[in-house]
Structures are given as C-alpha cells and as structure tokens.
Amino acid sequence: MIETIKAIFGMGPKVDFARLVAEGAIIVDVRSKGEFQGGHIRQAINIPLQNIEGHLKQLPKDRVIITCCASGMRSASAANILKNKGYKEVYNGGGWQSLQSKM
C-alpha cells in the first residue's frame, strides 16, 4: 500500500526522464485539449485520460511511455491503465511543468 502511494505521488525510485526521452520515450499528456493548448511539453502528444483506451494503437507497446498531466493524479491513472493493457515500461511523469524541468 505504501509503495502504491509513493508511486502515485512520484516518491518512488529516481527516474532519469531526460535519458528516457533522449532514448525515444513517448510523452503522453493526459489533460484536456484546452489544458494542453494552454501549455505543454513540446514533444508531448495529447490524449485526454478519458480517451486513452480508444487511442492505444497510437502507442507502441515496445516503446517507453511517460504520462503527465497537471498534478500527477490523472497521469498515475493513465499509467495504470497502460500497464493493465500490457505496456511494460510506463512511468508517471507527474505534473507536466515538473516533468519539463527534469528534462
């Protein structure tokens, strides 16, 4: 239970997001279209959380996926959905601005 809470709030082991992106990770911003248009990480693709299952074909299972949103809550949900759908290497990047500062 504690490990799950740590993972949701990004308090787990350190992840080198810059390295993952340099090696080809896909950043999926799961905020609404309007939120995304208000600012986002340049290379991120926008798939709102409520639409993620309908867009799985856009996300190859053999690529690293990093999810992000405004605070980290929706991105945690998206990461769990992807893991449950068979994606092996999925990371919750948390809030997009925080993630951007780590790259």
Foldseek 3Di string as FASTA:
>chain_A
DVVLVCQQQVNDDDDQLVVLVVVPEAEEEQDDPVVVVVDADPRHDYHHLVRLVVCCVVPDLVGAYEYEYAARNSLSVSQVVVVVVPRDHYGHCGHRVSSVVSD
